[in-house]
């Protein structure tokens, strides 16, 4: 092979220094982009979970009115799952809305039988360091009241927003209208919530989980 041609071929390509410069640029760009991507991903996830809770709560309100019965959104706080349930007047028990056979629900460690919706990875029920809720009914922040099983016994580590046949949130024991119905979820950075007023009006909210923001923002 011609020596001059061989020299030209050998000289083609990048030097080690050039490769190191390119790799350094890639690392810097990745260092800037990855945290922003993770933050955006987490924001999308918790926003989706909050919309899911709000949507199911709105459905429960409508379902109670359409069935002329009680309906509720049941949250398993430890398991990170939620489900819509309707009161079966004939069986005197709660049934999953997705169960067309109307089988009475059973409960194990707060998790109801039947199909549930799980929070996405990284999201849990909770409200971080916050102490005050976004509404008058939530002056002291708290999840909705504990759910009652079919015999009327409170189930630990659960929260339920219960609607009567007029679409009004009620105390499951006294059946009186209440304004403390709420679900709060967090990813450690933000807290998103769904609240229901005594008139049945739904609102979604967001705040900083570390209480660095003193205000809740309606979504």
N, C-alpha and C. Protein backbone atom coordinates (compact mmCIF):
# COMPACT_ATOMS: atom_id res chain seq x y z
N UNK A 1 0.86 -1.19 0.00
CA UNK A 1 0.00 0.00 0.00
C UNK A 1 0.89 1.23 0.00
N UNK A 2 0.47 2.25 -0.74
CA UNK A 2 1.20 3.50 -0.81
C UNK A 2 1.40 4.09 0.57
N UNK A 3 2.64 4.48 0.93
CA UNK A 3 2.95 4.99 2.28
C UNK A 3 2.21 6.28 2.56
N UNK A 4 2.08 7.13 1.53
CA UNK A 4 1.39 8.41 1.73
C UNK A 4 -0.09 8.18 2.05
N UNK A 5 -0.73 7.22 1.33
CA UNK A 5 -2.14 6.89 1.57
C UNK A 5 -2.32 6.30 2.97
N UNK A 6 -1.40 5.44 3.40
CA UNK A 6 -1.45 4.83 4.73
C UNK A 6 -1.37 5.91 5.81
N UNK A 7 -0.53 6.93 5.62
CA UNK A 7 -0.38 8.00 6.59
C UNK A 7 -1.67 8.79 6.72
N UNK A 8 -2.34 9.05 5.59
CA UNK A 8 -3.61 9.78 5.62
C UNK A 8 -4.67 9.01 6.40
N UNK A 9 -4.71 7.69 6.21
CA UNK A 9 -5.70 6.87 6.91
C UNK A 9 -5.44 6.86 8.42
N UNK A 10 -4.20 6.80 8.78
CA UNK A 10 -3.84 6.77 10.19
C UNK A 10 -4.22 8.09 10.87
N UNK A 11 -4.12 9.21 10.15
CA UNK A 11 -4.39 10.51 10.73
C UNK A 11 -5.88 10.80 10.88
N UNK A 12 -6.75 10.03 10.28
CA UNK A 12 -8.18 10.25 10.39
C UNK A 12 -8.68 9.86 11.78
N UNK A 13 -9.81 10.55 12.28
CA UNK A 13 -10.40 10.22 13.57
C UNK A 13 -10.10 11.30 14.59
N UNK A 14 -10.47 11.01 15.88
CA UNK A 14 -10.30 11.97 16.95
C UNK A 14 -9.12 11.59 17.84
N UNK A 15 -8.48 12.59 18.37
CA UNK A 15 -7.41 12.33 19.34
C UNK A 15 -8.04 12.04 20.70
N UNK A 16 -7.25 11.53 21.62
CA UNK A 16 -7.72 11.22 22.96
C UNK A 16 -8.23 12.48 23.67
N UNK A 17 -7.53 13.59 23.47
CA UNK A 17 -7.94 14.84 24.10
C UNK A 17 -9.30 15.29 23.58
N UNK A 18 -9.48 15.17 22.27
CA UNK A 18 -10.77 15.56 21.68
C UNK A 18 -11.91 14.69 22.22
N UNK A 19 -11.66 13.40 22.35
CA UNK A 19 -12.66 12.49 22.90
C UNK A 19 -13.00 12.86 24.34
N UNK A 20 -11.98 13.21 25.12
CA UNK A 20 -12.20 13.58 26.52
C UNK A 20 -13.02 14.86 26.62
N UNK A 21 -12.78 15.81 25.72
CA UNK A 21 -13.54 17.06 25.71
C UNK A 21 -15.01 16.78 25.41
N UNK A 22 -15.25 15.94 24.40
CA UNK A 22 -16.63 15.59 24.02
C UNK A 22 -17.34 14.88 25.17
N UNK A 23 -16.67 13.93 25.81
CA UNK A 23 -17.26 13.19 26.93
C UNK A 23 -17.57 14.13 28.09
N UNK A 24 -16.67 15.10 28.33
CA UNK A 24 -16.89 16.07 29.41
C UNK A 24 -18.14 16.90 29.13
N UNK A 25 -18.32 17.31 27.89
CA UNK A 25 -19.52 18.08 27.50
C UNK A 25 -20.78 17.25 27.72
N UNK A 26 -20.73 15.97 27.31
CA UNK A 26 -21.88 15.09 27.50
C UNK A 26 -22.22 14.95 28.98
N UNK A 27 -21.21 14.78 29.81
CA UNK A 27 -21.43 14.60 31.25
C UNK A 27 -22.06 15.85 31.86
N UNK A 28 -21.58 17.02 31.45
CA UNK A 28 -22.13 18.28 31.98
C UNK A 28 -23.59 18.43 31.57
N UNK A 29 -23.87 18.15 30.30
CA UNK A 29 -25.26 18.26 29.81
C UNK A 29 -26.17 17.29 30.55
N UNK A 30 -25.68 16.04 30.73
CA UNK A 30 -26.48 15.05 31.45
C UNK A 30 -26.71 15.46 32.89
N UNK A 31 -25.66 16.04 33.52
CA UNK A 31 -25.79 16.49 34.91
C UNK A 31 -26.83 17.57 35.08
N UNK A 32 -27.02 18.37 34.04
CA UNK A 32 -28.04 19.42 34.10
C UNK A 32 -29.42 18.90 33.74
N UNK A 33 -29.47 17.98 32.78
CA UNK A 33 -30.76 17.53 32.26
C UNK A 33 -31.43 16.48 33.13
N UNK A 34 -30.65 15.55 33.69
CA UNK A 34 -31.25 14.43 34.44
C UNK A 34 -32.06 14.90 35.64
N UNK A 35 -31.54 15.80 36.50
CA UNK A 35 -32.37 16.26 37.63
C UNK A 35 -33.68 16.91 37.19
N UNK A 36 -33.63 17.70 36.12
CA UNK A 36 -34.84 18.33 35.61
C UNK A 36 -35.82 17.29 35.09
N UNK A 37 -35.28 16.26 34.43
CA UNK A 37 -36.15 15.19 33.93
C UNK A 37 -36.82 14.45 35.08
N UNK A 38 -36.04 14.14 36.12
CA UNK A 38 -36.60 13.42 37.28
C UNK A 38 -37.67 14.26 37.96
N UNK A 39 -37.40 15.56 38.12
CA UNK A 39 -38.38 16.46 38.73
C UNK A 39 -39.66 16.52 37.91
N UNK A 40 -39.53 16.62 36.60
CA UNK A 40 -40.69 16.67 35.71
C UNK A 40 -41.46 15.36 35.77
N UNK A 41 -40.72 14.24 35.75
CA UNK A 41 -41.37 12.93 35.81
C UNK A 41 -42.17 12.77 37.10
N UNK A 42 -41.57 13.15 38.24
CA UNK A 42 -42.25 13.03 39.53
C UNK A 42 -43.47 13.92 39.60
N UNK A 43 -43.35 15.11 39.01
CA UNK A 43 -44.48 16.04 39.00
C UNK A 43 -45.64 15.48 38.19
N UNK A 44 -45.32 14.87 37.06
CA UNK A 44 -46.36 14.27 36.21
C UNK A 44 -47.02 13.10 36.93
N UNK A 45 -46.21 12.30 37.63
CA UNK A 45 -46.76 11.13 38.33
C UNK A 45 -47.73 11.53 39.43
N UNK A 46 -47.32 12.45 40.31
CA UNK A 46 -48.19 12.81 41.42
C UNK A 46 -49.42 13.58 40.93
N UNK A 47 -49.24 14.37 39.87
CA UNK A 47 -50.39 15.06 39.29
C UNK A 47 -51.40 14.07 38.74
N UNK A 48 -50.91 13.01 38.11
CA UNK A 48 -51.80 11.98 37.58
C UNK A 48 -52.54 11.25 38.68
N UNK A 49 -51.83 10.94 39.77
CA UNK A 49 -52.48 10.26 40.90
C UNK A 49 -53.55 11.15 41.52
N UNK A 50 -53.25 12.43 41.64
CA UNK A 50 -54.22 13.34 42.25
C UNK A 50 -55.46 13.49 41.38
N UNK A 51 -55.26 13.55 40.07
CA UNK A 51 -56.40 13.63 39.16
C UNK A 51 -57.22 12.34 39.22
N UNK A 52 -56.53 11.20 39.39
CA UNK A 52 -57.24 9.94 39.51
C UNK A 52 -58.11 9.90 40.75
N UNK A 53 -57.57 10.38 41.87
CA UNK A 53 -58.35 10.43 43.11
C UNK A 53 -59.53 11.39 42.97
N UNK A 54 -59.28 12.55 42.38
CA UNK A 54 -60.35 13.54 42.21
C UNK A 54 -61.45 13.00 41.28
N UNK A 55 -61.02 12.35 40.20
CA UNK A 55 -62.00 11.80 39.26
C UNK A 55 -62.85 10.72 39.89
N UNK A 56 -62.22 9.84 40.68
CA UNK A 56 -62.97 8.77 41.32
C UNK A 56 -63.90 9.32 42.39
N UNK A 57 -63.46 10.37 43.08
CA UNK A 57 -64.32 10.99 44.09
C UNK A 57 -65.55 11.62 43.44
N UNK A 58 -65.35 12.25 42.30
CA UNK A 58 -66.49 12.83 41.57
C UNK A 58 -67.44 11.73 41.10
N UNK A 59 -66.87 10.60 40.66
CA UNK A 59 -67.71 9.48 40.23
C UNK A 59 -68.52 8.92 41.40
N UNK A 60 -67.88 8.84 42.57
CA UNK A 60 -68.59 8.31 43.74
C UNK A 60 -69.78 9.20 44.09
N UNK A 61 -69.59 10.49 43.99
CA UNK A 61 -70.67 11.44 44.26
C UNK A 61 -71.85 11.19 43.32
N UNK A 62 -71.57 11.02 42.04
CA UNK A 62 -72.62 10.77 41.05
C UNK A 62 -73.25 9.39 41.24
N UNK A 63 -72.40 8.41 41.58
CA UNK A 63 -72.91 7.04 41.74
C UNK A 63 -73.87 6.96 42.93
N UNK A 64 -73.58 7.67 44.01
CA UNK A 64 -74.47 7.66 45.17
C UNK A 64 -75.84 8.20 44.79
N UNK A 65 -75.84 9.26 44.00
CA UNK A 65 -77.11 9.85 43.59
C UNK A 65 -77.86 8.94 42.61
N UNK A 66 -77.15 8.35 41.67
CA UNK A 66 -77.81 7.51 40.66
C UNK A 66 -78.37 6.23 41.25
N UNK A 67 -77.70 5.68 42.28
CA UNK A 67 -78.17 4.44 42.93
C UNK A 67 -79.08 4.73 44.11
N UNK A 68 -79.25 6.00 44.43
CA UNK A 68 -80.01 6.42 45.61
C UNK A 68 -79.54 5.63 46.83
N UNK A 69 -78.24 5.65 47.01
CA UNK A 69 -77.61 4.90 48.11
C UNK A 69 -76.40 5.70 48.58
N UNK A 70 -75.49 5.06 49.28
CA UNK A 70 -74.23 5.68 49.67
C UNK A 70 -73.11 5.12 48.81
N UNK A 71 -72.15 5.97 48.51
CA UNK A 71 -70.95 5.55 47.77
C UNK A 71 -69.75 6.24 48.41
N UNK A 72 -68.59 5.62 48.28
CA UNK A 72 -67.41 6.19 48.91
C UNK A 72 -66.15 5.87 48.11
N UNK A 73 -65.13 6.68 48.36
CA UNK A 73 -63.79 6.37 47.87
C UNK A 73 -63.00 5.88 49.07
N UNK A 74 -62.49 4.69 48.96
CA UNK A 74 -61.79 4.00 50.04
C UNK A 74 -60.29 4.05 49.75
N UNK A 75 -59.52 4.59 50.69
CA UNK A 75 -58.07 4.68 50.50
C UNK A 75 -57.36 3.81 51.52
N UNK A 76 -56.52 2.91 51.04
CA UNK A 76 -55.64 2.10 51.89
C UNK A 76 -54.35 2.91 52.05
N UNK A 77 -54.21 3.59 53.18
CA UNK A 77 -53.12 4.54 53.36
C UNK A 77 -51.75 3.87 53.35
N UNK A 78 -51.63 2.71 53.96
CA UNK A 78 -50.34 2.01 53.99
C UNK A 78 -50.04 1.34 52.65
N UNK A 79 -51.07 0.78 52.03
CA UNK A 79 -50.86 0.05 50.78
C UNK A 79 -50.77 0.94 49.56
N UNK A 80 -51.15 2.23 49.71
CA UNK A 80 -51.07 3.15 48.57
C UNK A 80 -52.03 2.78 47.47
N UNK A 81 -53.27 2.40 47.85
CA UNK A 81 -54.26 2.00 46.86
C UNK A 81 -55.61 2.63 47.20
N UNK A 82 -56.46 2.78 46.19
CA UNK A 82 -57.79 3.34 46.44
C UNK A 82 -58.81 2.66 45.52
N UNK A 83 -60.08 2.78 45.93
CA UNK A 83 -61.14 2.05 45.25
C UNK A 83 -62.47 2.75 45.50
N UNK A 84 -63.37 2.73 44.53
CA UNK A 84 -64.72 3.24 44.73
C UNK A 84 -65.63 2.10 45.16
N UNK A 85 -66.45 2.35 46.17
CA UNK A 85 -67.33 1.32 46.71
C UNK A 85 -68.75 1.88 46.84
N UNK A 86 -69.73 1.00 46.68
CA UNK A 86 -71.14 1.38 46.77
C UNK A 86 -71.81 0.51 47.83
N UNK A 87 -72.71 1.11 48.59
CA UNK A 87 -73.43 0.36 49.63
C UNK A 87 -74.54 -0.46 49.00
N UNK A 88 -74.47 -1.76 49.19
CA UNK A 88 -75.49 -2.69 48.69
C UNK A 88 -76.58 -2.80 49.75
N UNK A 89 -77.74 -2.21 49.48
CA UNK A 89 -78.83 -2.19 50.46
C UNK A 89 -79.33 -3.60 50.77
N UNK A 90 -79.41 -4.44 49.75
CA UNK A 90 -79.92 -5.80 49.95
C UNK A 90 -78.98 -6.62 50.81
N UNK A 91 -77.68 -6.58 50.50
CA UNK A 91 -76.71 -7.36 51.25
C UNK A 91 -76.21 -6.66 52.50
N UNK A 92 -76.60 -5.38 52.66
CA UNK A 92 -76.15 -4.57 53.80
C UNK A 92 -74.62 -4.62 53.92
N UNK A 93 -73.96 -4.32 52.82
CA UNK A 93 -72.50 -4.37 52.81
C UNK A 93 -71.96 -3.49 51.69
N UNK A 94 -70.68 -3.20 51.78
CA UNK A 94 -70.01 -2.44 50.73
C UNK A 94 -69.55 -3.39 49.62
N UNK A 95 -69.71 -2.94 48.38
CA UNK A 95 -69.26 -3.72 47.23
C UNK A 95 -68.39 -2.83 46.35
N UNK A 96 -67.45 -3.42 45.66
CA UNK A 96 -66.61 -2.65 44.74
C UNK A 96 -67.44 -2.23 43.53
N UNK A 97 -67.26 -1.01 43.10
CA UNK A 97 -68.03 -0.49 41.97
C UNK A 97 -67.78 -1.30 40.71
N UNK A 98 -66.61 -1.90 40.59
CA UNK A 98 -66.27 -2.66 39.39
C UNK A 98 -66.76 -4.10 39.44
N UNK A 99 -67.36 -4.51 40.59
CA UNK A 99 -67.82 -5.88 40.75
C UNK A 99 -69.31 -5.96 40.43
N UNK A 100 -69.64 -6.43 39.23
CA UNK A 100 -71.03 -6.49 38.81
C UNK A 100 -71.81 -7.61 39.51
N UNK A 101 -71.09 -8.51 40.19
CA UNK A 101 -71.77 -9.56 40.94
C UNK A 101 -72.21 -9.09 42.33
N UNK A 102 -71.82 -7.85 42.68
CA UNK A 102 -72.20 -7.25 43.97
C UNK A 102 -71.79 -8.11 45.16
N UNK A 103 -70.59 -8.65 45.11
CA UNK A 103 -70.08 -9.47 46.20
C UNK A 103 -69.63 -8.57 47.36
N UNK A 104 -70.04 -8.89 48.57
CA UNK A 104 -69.66 -8.09 49.73
C UNK A 104 -68.14 -8.10 49.89
N UNK A 105 -67.59 -6.92 50.13
CA UNK A 105 -66.14 -6.80 50.28
C UNK A 105 -65.67 -7.33 51.62
N UNK A 106 -64.47 -7.87 51.62
CA UNK A 106 -63.79 -8.26 52.86
C UNK A 106 -62.51 -7.45 52.93
N UNK A 107 -61.96 -7.29 54.14
CA UNK A 107 -60.82 -6.41 54.32
C UNK A 107 -59.71 -7.13 55.06
N UNK A 108 -58.48 -7.04 54.52
CA UNK A 108 -57.31 -7.62 55.17
C UNK A 108 -56.25 -6.54 55.30
N UNK A 109 -55.94 -6.18 56.55
CA UNK A 109 -54.93 -5.14 56.82
C UNK A 109 -55.22 -3.85 56.08
N UNK A 110 -56.50 -3.52 55.98
CA UNK A 110 -56.88 -2.27 55.34
C UNK A 110 -57.06 -2.35 53.84
N UNK A 111 -56.58 -3.41 53.21
CA UNK A 111 -56.71 -3.56 51.76
C UNK A 111 -57.99 -4.29 51.42
N UNK A 112 -58.90 -3.67 50.65
CA UNK A 112 -60.15 -4.34 50.32
C UNK A 112 -59.96 -5.37 49.22
N UNK A 113 -60.82 -6.35 49.19
CA UNK A 113 -60.78 -7.32 48.09
C UNK A 113 -61.27 -6.63 46.82
N UNK A 114 -60.99 -7.23 45.70
CA UNK A 114 -61.42 -6.67 44.43
C UNK A 114 -60.38 -5.77 43.79
N UNK A 115 -60.74 -5.21 42.66
CA UNK A 115 -59.82 -4.38 41.88
C UNK A 115 -59.58 -3.03 42.55
N UNK A 116 -58.32 -2.62 42.65
CA UNK A 116 -57.96 -1.32 43.23
C UNK A 116 -57.04 -0.58 42.27
N UNK A 117 -56.93 0.72 42.49
CA UNK A 117 -55.98 1.54 41.74
C UNK A 117 -54.83 1.87 42.67
N UNK A 118 -53.61 1.61 42.22
CA UNK A 118 -52.43 1.87 43.04
C UNK A 118 -51.78 3.19 42.67
N UNK A 119 -51.27 3.89 43.69
CA UNK A 119 -50.48 5.08 43.43
C UNK A 119 -49.22 4.69 42.66
N UNK A 120 -48.70 5.59 41.84
CA UNK A 120 -47.51 5.29 41.08
C UNK A 120 -46.29 5.24 42.00
N UNK A 121 -45.23 4.62 41.51
CA UNK A 121 -44.00 4.48 42.28
C UNK A 121 -43.48 5.83 42.75
N UNK A 122 -43.18 5.91 44.04
CA UNK A 122 -42.65 7.15 44.61
C UNK A 122 -43.70 8.01 45.28
N UNK A 123 -44.98 7.73 45.04
CA UNK A 123 -46.07 8.49 45.65
C UNK A 123 -46.68 7.69 46.80
N UNK A 124 -47.01 8.38 47.89
CA UNK A 124 -47.64 7.74 49.04
C UNK A 124 -48.72 8.67 49.59
N UNK A 125 -49.62 8.12 50.38
CA UNK A 125 -50.58 8.96 51.08
C UNK A 125 -49.86 9.65 52.24
N UNK A 126 -49.97 10.96 52.34
CA UNK A 126 -49.31 11.70 53.39
C UNK A 126 -49.28 13.18 53.07
N UNK A 127 -48.78 13.99 54.01
CA UNK A 127 -48.73 15.43 53.78
C UNK A 127 -47.45 16.06 54.29
N UNK A 128 -46.36 15.28 54.32
CA UNK A 128 -45.06 15.84 54.65
C UNK A 128 -45.04 16.56 55.98
N UNK A 129 -44.48 17.76 56.00
CA UNK A 129 -44.36 18.56 57.22
C UNK A 129 -45.50 19.56 57.38
N UNK A 130 -46.47 19.51 56.50
CA UNK A 130 -47.56 20.48 56.55
C UNK A 130 -48.45 20.24 57.76
N UNK A 131 -48.96 21.29 58.33
CA UNK A 131 -49.83 21.19 59.50
C UNK A 131 -51.21 21.78 59.26
N UNK A 132 -51.34 22.62 58.24
CA UNK A 132 -52.62 23.25 57.94
C UNK A 132 -53.08 22.86 56.54
N UNK A 133 -54.35 22.57 56.42
CA UNK A 133 -54.92 22.22 55.13
C UNK A 133 -55.32 23.45 54.33
N UNK A 134 -55.83 23.25 53.13
CA UNK A 134 -56.14 24.38 52.25
C UNK A 134 -57.52 24.99 52.44
N UNK A 135 -58.39 24.35 53.23
CA UNK A 135 -59.76 24.84 53.38
C UNK A 135 -60.10 25.07 54.84
N UNK A 136 -61.23 25.75 55.08
CA UNK A 136 -61.70 25.98 56.44
C UNK A 136 -61.96 24.66 57.14
N UNK A 137 -62.47 23.68 56.39
CA UNK A 137 -62.73 22.37 56.97
C UNK A 137 -61.47 21.61 57.31
N UNK A 138 -60.34 22.04 56.73
CA UNK A 138 -59.07 21.38 56.97
C UNK A 138 -58.08 22.35 57.63
N UNK A 139 -58.55 23.09 58.64
CA UNK A 139 -57.66 24.00 59.36
C UNK A 139 -56.46 23.24 59.91
N UNK A 140 -56.72 22.07 60.48
CA UNK A 140 -55.64 21.15 60.86
C UNK A 140 -55.66 20.01 59.84
N UNK A 141 -54.57 19.88 59.12
CA UNK A 141 -54.55 18.93 58.00
C UNK A 141 -54.72 17.49 58.48
N UNK A 142 -55.50 16.72 57.74
CA UNK A 142 -55.72 15.31 58.07
C UNK A 142 -56.35 14.61 56.88
N UNK A 143 -56.09 13.32 56.78
CA UNK A 143 -56.79 12.53 55.79
C UNK A 143 -58.26 12.42 56.20
N UNK A 144 -59.10 12.00 55.28
CA UNK A 144 -60.51 11.79 55.61
C UNK A 144 -60.65 10.77 56.74
N UNK A 145 -61.82 10.70 57.32
CA UNK A 145 -62.06 9.80 58.45
C UNK A 145 -61.82 8.34 58.07
N UNK A 146 -61.54 7.52 59.08
CA UNK A 146 -61.32 6.09 58.83
C UNK A 146 -62.56 5.46 58.21
N UNK A 147 -62.31 4.49 57.35
CA UNK A 147 -63.41 3.74 56.74
C UNK A 147 -64.00 2.77 57.75
N UNK A 148 -65.28 2.48 57.58
CA UNK A 148 -65.95 1.49 58.41
C UNK A 148 -66.18 0.23 57.58
N UNK A 149 -66.02 -0.94 58.21
CA UNK A 149 -66.29 -2.18 57.49
C UNK A 149 -67.79 -2.42 57.46
N UNK A 150 -68.20 -3.58 57.00
CA UNK A 150 -69.63 -3.86 56.83
C UNK A 150 -70.40 -3.90 58.15
N UNK A 151 -69.68 -4.10 59.25
CA UNK A 151 -70.33 -4.13 60.57
C UNK A 151 -70.26 -2.78 61.27
N UNK A 152 -69.65 -1.79 60.62
CA UNK A 152 -69.56 -0.47 61.21
C UNK A 152 -68.33 -0.26 62.07
N UNK A 153 -67.36 -1.16 62.00
CA UNK A 153 -66.13 -1.05 62.77
C UNK A 153 -65.07 -0.30 61.96
N UNK A 154 -64.39 0.64 62.61
CA UNK A 154 -63.36 1.42 61.92
C UNK A 154 -62.19 0.54 61.50
N UNK A 155 -61.67 0.79 60.31
CA UNK A 155 -60.53 0.03 59.78
C UNK A 155 -59.30 0.91 59.86
N UNK A 156 -58.29 0.48 60.58
CA UNK A 156 -57.09 1.28 60.78
C UNK A 156 -56.34 1.50 59.46
N UNK A 157 -55.63 2.62 59.40
CA UNK A 157 -54.80 2.98 58.23
C UNK A 157 -55.62 3.09 56.95
N UNK A 158 -56.82 3.60 57.09
CA UNK A 158 -57.67 3.83 55.92
C UNK A 158 -58.26 5.24 56.00
N UNK A 159 -58.79 5.70 54.89
CA UNK A 159 -59.49 6.99 54.84
C UNK A 159 -60.61 6.87 53.82
N UNK A 160 -61.77 7.41 54.15
CA UNK A 160 -62.92 7.32 53.24
C UNK A 160 -63.65 8.65 53.15
N UNK A 161 -64.02 9.01 51.94
CA UNK A 161 -64.96 10.10 51.71
C UNK A 161 -66.27 9.45 51.27
N UNK A 162 -67.30 9.63 52.09
CA UNK A 162 -68.59 8.96 51.87
C UNK A 162 -69.63 9.98 51.42
N UNK A 163 -70.40 9.64 50.40
CA UNK A 163 -71.46 10.50 49.90
C UNK A 163 -72.83 9.86 50.13
N UNK A 164 -73.82 10.69 50.49
CA UNK A 164 -75.19 10.18 50.58
C UNK A 164 -75.86 10.31 49.22
N UNK A 165 -77.13 9.96 49.15
CA UNK A 165 -77.83 9.91 47.87
C UNK A 165 -78.04 11.29 47.25
N UNK A 166 -77.76 12.35 47.99
CA UNK A 166 -77.86 13.70 47.44
C UNK A 166 -76.50 14.25 47.02
N UNK A 167 -75.48 13.39 47.10
CA UNK A 167 -74.14 13.81 46.70
C UNK A 167 -73.45 14.68 47.73
N UNK A 168 -73.85 14.55 49.00
CA UNK A 168 -73.28 15.34 50.09
C UNK A 168 -72.32 14.45 50.88
N UNK A 169 -71.11 14.92 51.17
CA UNK A 169 -70.18 14.12 51.99
C UNK A 169 -70.68 14.06 53.44
N UNK A 170 -70.65 12.88 54.02
CA UNK A 170 -71.24 12.69 55.34
C UNK A 170 -70.30 11.96 56.29
N UNK A 171 -70.57 12.14 57.58
CA UNK A 171 -69.94 11.34 58.61
C UNK A 171 -70.55 9.94 58.53
N UNK A 172 -69.73 8.92 58.39
CA UNK A 172 -70.24 7.56 58.16
C UNK A 172 -71.04 7.04 59.34
N UNK A 173 -70.83 7.59 60.54
CA UNK A 173 -71.54 7.11 61.73
C UNK A 173 -72.80 7.91 61.98
N UNK A 174 -72.69 9.23 62.00
CA UNK A 174 -73.84 10.08 62.33
C UNK A 174 -74.66 10.45 61.09
N UNK A 175 -74.07 10.28 59.90
CA UNK A 175 -74.68 10.62 58.61
C UNK A 175 -74.86 12.13 58.43
N UNK A 176 -74.23 12.93 59.30
CA UNK A 176 -74.31 14.38 59.18
C UNK A 176 -73.33 14.88 58.13
N UNK A 177 -73.68 15.95 57.40
CA UNK A 177 -72.75 16.52 56.41
C UNK A 177 -71.46 16.99 57.08
N UNK A 178 -70.33 16.81 56.41
CA UNK A 178 -69.04 17.23 56.95
C UNK A 178 -68.24 17.93 55.86
N UNK A 179 -67.25 18.72 56.31
CA UNK A 179 -66.40 19.45 55.37
C UNK A 179 -64.94 19.02 55.51
N UNK A 180 -64.71 17.87 56.11
CA UNK A 180 -63.33 17.42 56.38
C UNK A 180 -62.88 16.31 55.44
N UNK A 181 -63.66 16.00 54.43
CA UNK A 181 -63.28 14.94 53.49
C UNK A 181 -62.09 15.38 52.65
N UNK A 182 -60.99 14.63 52.72
CA UNK A 182 -59.79 15.00 51.96
C UNK A 182 -58.87 13.81 51.82
N UNK A 183 -58.14 13.79 50.72
CA UNK A 183 -57.05 12.84 50.51
C UNK A 183 -55.80 13.65 50.18
N UNK A 184 -54.67 13.30 50.79
CA UNK A 184 -53.41 13.96 50.51
C UNK A 184 -52.37 12.92 50.12
N UNK A 185 -51.62 13.22 49.05
CA UNK A 185 -50.55 12.34 48.61
C UNK A 185 -49.29 13.17 48.44
N UNK A 186 -48.14 12.52 48.59
CA UNK A 186 -46.87 13.23 48.49
C UNK A 186 -45.81 12.37 47.82
N UNK A 187 -44.85 13.03 47.22
CA UNK A 187 -43.68 12.33 46.68
C UNK A 187 -42.40 12.77 47.39
N UNK A 188 -42.58 13.46 48.53
CA UNK A 188 -41.45 13.95 49.30
C UNK A 188 -41.05 15.36 48.95
N UNK A 189 -41.48 15.84 47.79
CA UNK A 189 -41.17 17.19 47.35
C UNK A 189 -42.40 18.09 47.41
N UNK A 190 -43.50 17.58 46.90
CA UNK A 190 -44.76 18.32 46.94
C UNK A 190 -45.85 17.46 47.58
N UNK A 191 -46.90 18.14 48.00
CA UNK A 191 -48.10 17.46 48.49
C UNK A 191 -49.26 17.90 47.62
N UNK A 192 -49.98 16.96 47.05
CA UNK A 192 -51.19 17.25 46.30
C UNK A 192 -52.39 16.74 47.08
N UNK A 193 -53.51 17.41 46.95
CA UNK A 193 -54.68 16.99 47.72
C UNK A 193 -55.98 17.16 46.98
N UNK A 194 -56.98 16.43 47.45
CA UNK A 194 -58.36 16.55 46.97
C UNK A 194 -59.22 16.81 48.19
N UNK A 195 -59.99 17.90 48.18
CA UNK A 195 -60.88 18.20 49.29
C UNK A 195 -62.33 18.27 48.79
N UNK A 196 -63.24 17.97 49.71
CA UNK A 196 -64.66 18.04 49.40
C UNK A 196 -65.35 18.88 50.46
N UNK A 197 -66.03 19.94 50.05
CA UNK A 197 -66.72 20.82 50.98
C UNK A 197 -68.00 20.17 51.47
N UNK A 198 -68.65 20.79 52.46
CA UNK A 198 -69.89 20.25 53.02
C UNK A 198 -71.01 20.23 51.99
N UNK A 199 -70.88 21.01 50.92
CA UNK A 199 -71.90 21.03 49.88
C UNK A 199 -71.61 20.04 48.76
N UNK A 200 -70.44 19.37 48.85
CA UNK A 200 -70.07 18.39 47.82
C UNK A 200 -69.19 18.94 46.73
N UNK A 201 -68.70 20.18 46.90
CA UNK A 201 -67.82 20.78 45.90
C UNK A 201 -66.41 20.22 46.03
N UNK A 202 -65.84 19.76 44.90
CA UNK A 202 -64.49 19.18 44.89
C UNK A 202 -63.46 20.20 44.44
N UNK A 203 -62.27 20.13 45.04
CA UNK A 203 -61.17 20.99 44.63
C UNK A 203 -59.85 20.24 44.81
N UNK A 204 -58.94 20.43 43.87
CA UNK A 204 -57.59 19.84 43.98
C UNK A 204 -56.60 20.94 44.32
N UNK A 205 -55.53 20.54 45.05
CA UNK A 205 -54.57 21.50 45.59
C UNK A 205 -53.15 20.97 45.46
N UNK A 206 -52.18 21.90 45.65
CA UNK A 206 -50.78 21.51 45.68
C UNK A 206 -50.01 22.46 46.59
N UNK A 207 -49.01 21.92 47.30
CA UNK A 207 -48.16 22.73 48.17
C UNK A 207 -46.81 22.03 48.31
N UNK A 208 -45.84 22.74 48.88
CA UNK A 208 -44.52 22.16 49.11
C UNK A 208 -44.57 21.23 50.31
N UNK A 209 -43.94 20.07 50.20
CA UNK A 209 -43.99 19.07 51.27
C UNK A 209 -43.21 19.49 52.51
N UNK A 210 -42.21 20.35 52.35
CA UNK A 210 -41.39 20.76 53.49
C UNK A 210 -41.89 22.05 54.14
N UNK A 211 -43.08 22.47 53.75
CA UNK A 211 -43.72 23.67 54.32
C UNK A 211 -42.96 24.94 54.00
N UNK A 212 -42.07 24.93 52.99
CA UNK A 212 -41.36 26.14 52.60
C UNK A 212 -42.31 27.12 51.94
N UNK A 213 -43.41 26.60 51.40
CA UNK A 213 -44.47 27.45 50.88
C UNK A 213 -45.62 27.40 51.88
N UNK A 214 -46.05 28.54 52.34
CA UNK A 214 -47.11 28.57 53.34
C UNK A 214 -48.50 28.52 52.71
N UNK A 215 -48.56 28.65 51.42
CA UNK A 215 -49.86 28.72 50.74
C UNK A 215 -50.11 27.46 49.91
N UNK A 216 -51.38 27.07 49.85
CA UNK A 216 -51.82 26.02 48.96
C UNK A 216 -52.25 26.68 47.66
N UNK A 217 -52.03 25.99 46.56
CA UNK A 217 -52.42 26.50 45.27
C UNK A 217 -53.49 25.60 44.66
N UNK A 218 -54.63 26.22 44.34
CA UNK A 218 -55.71 25.47 43.70
C UNK A 218 -55.29 25.08 42.30
N UNK A 219 -55.61 23.87 41.90
CA UNK A 219 -55.23 23.39 40.58
C UNK A 219 -56.44 23.36 39.65
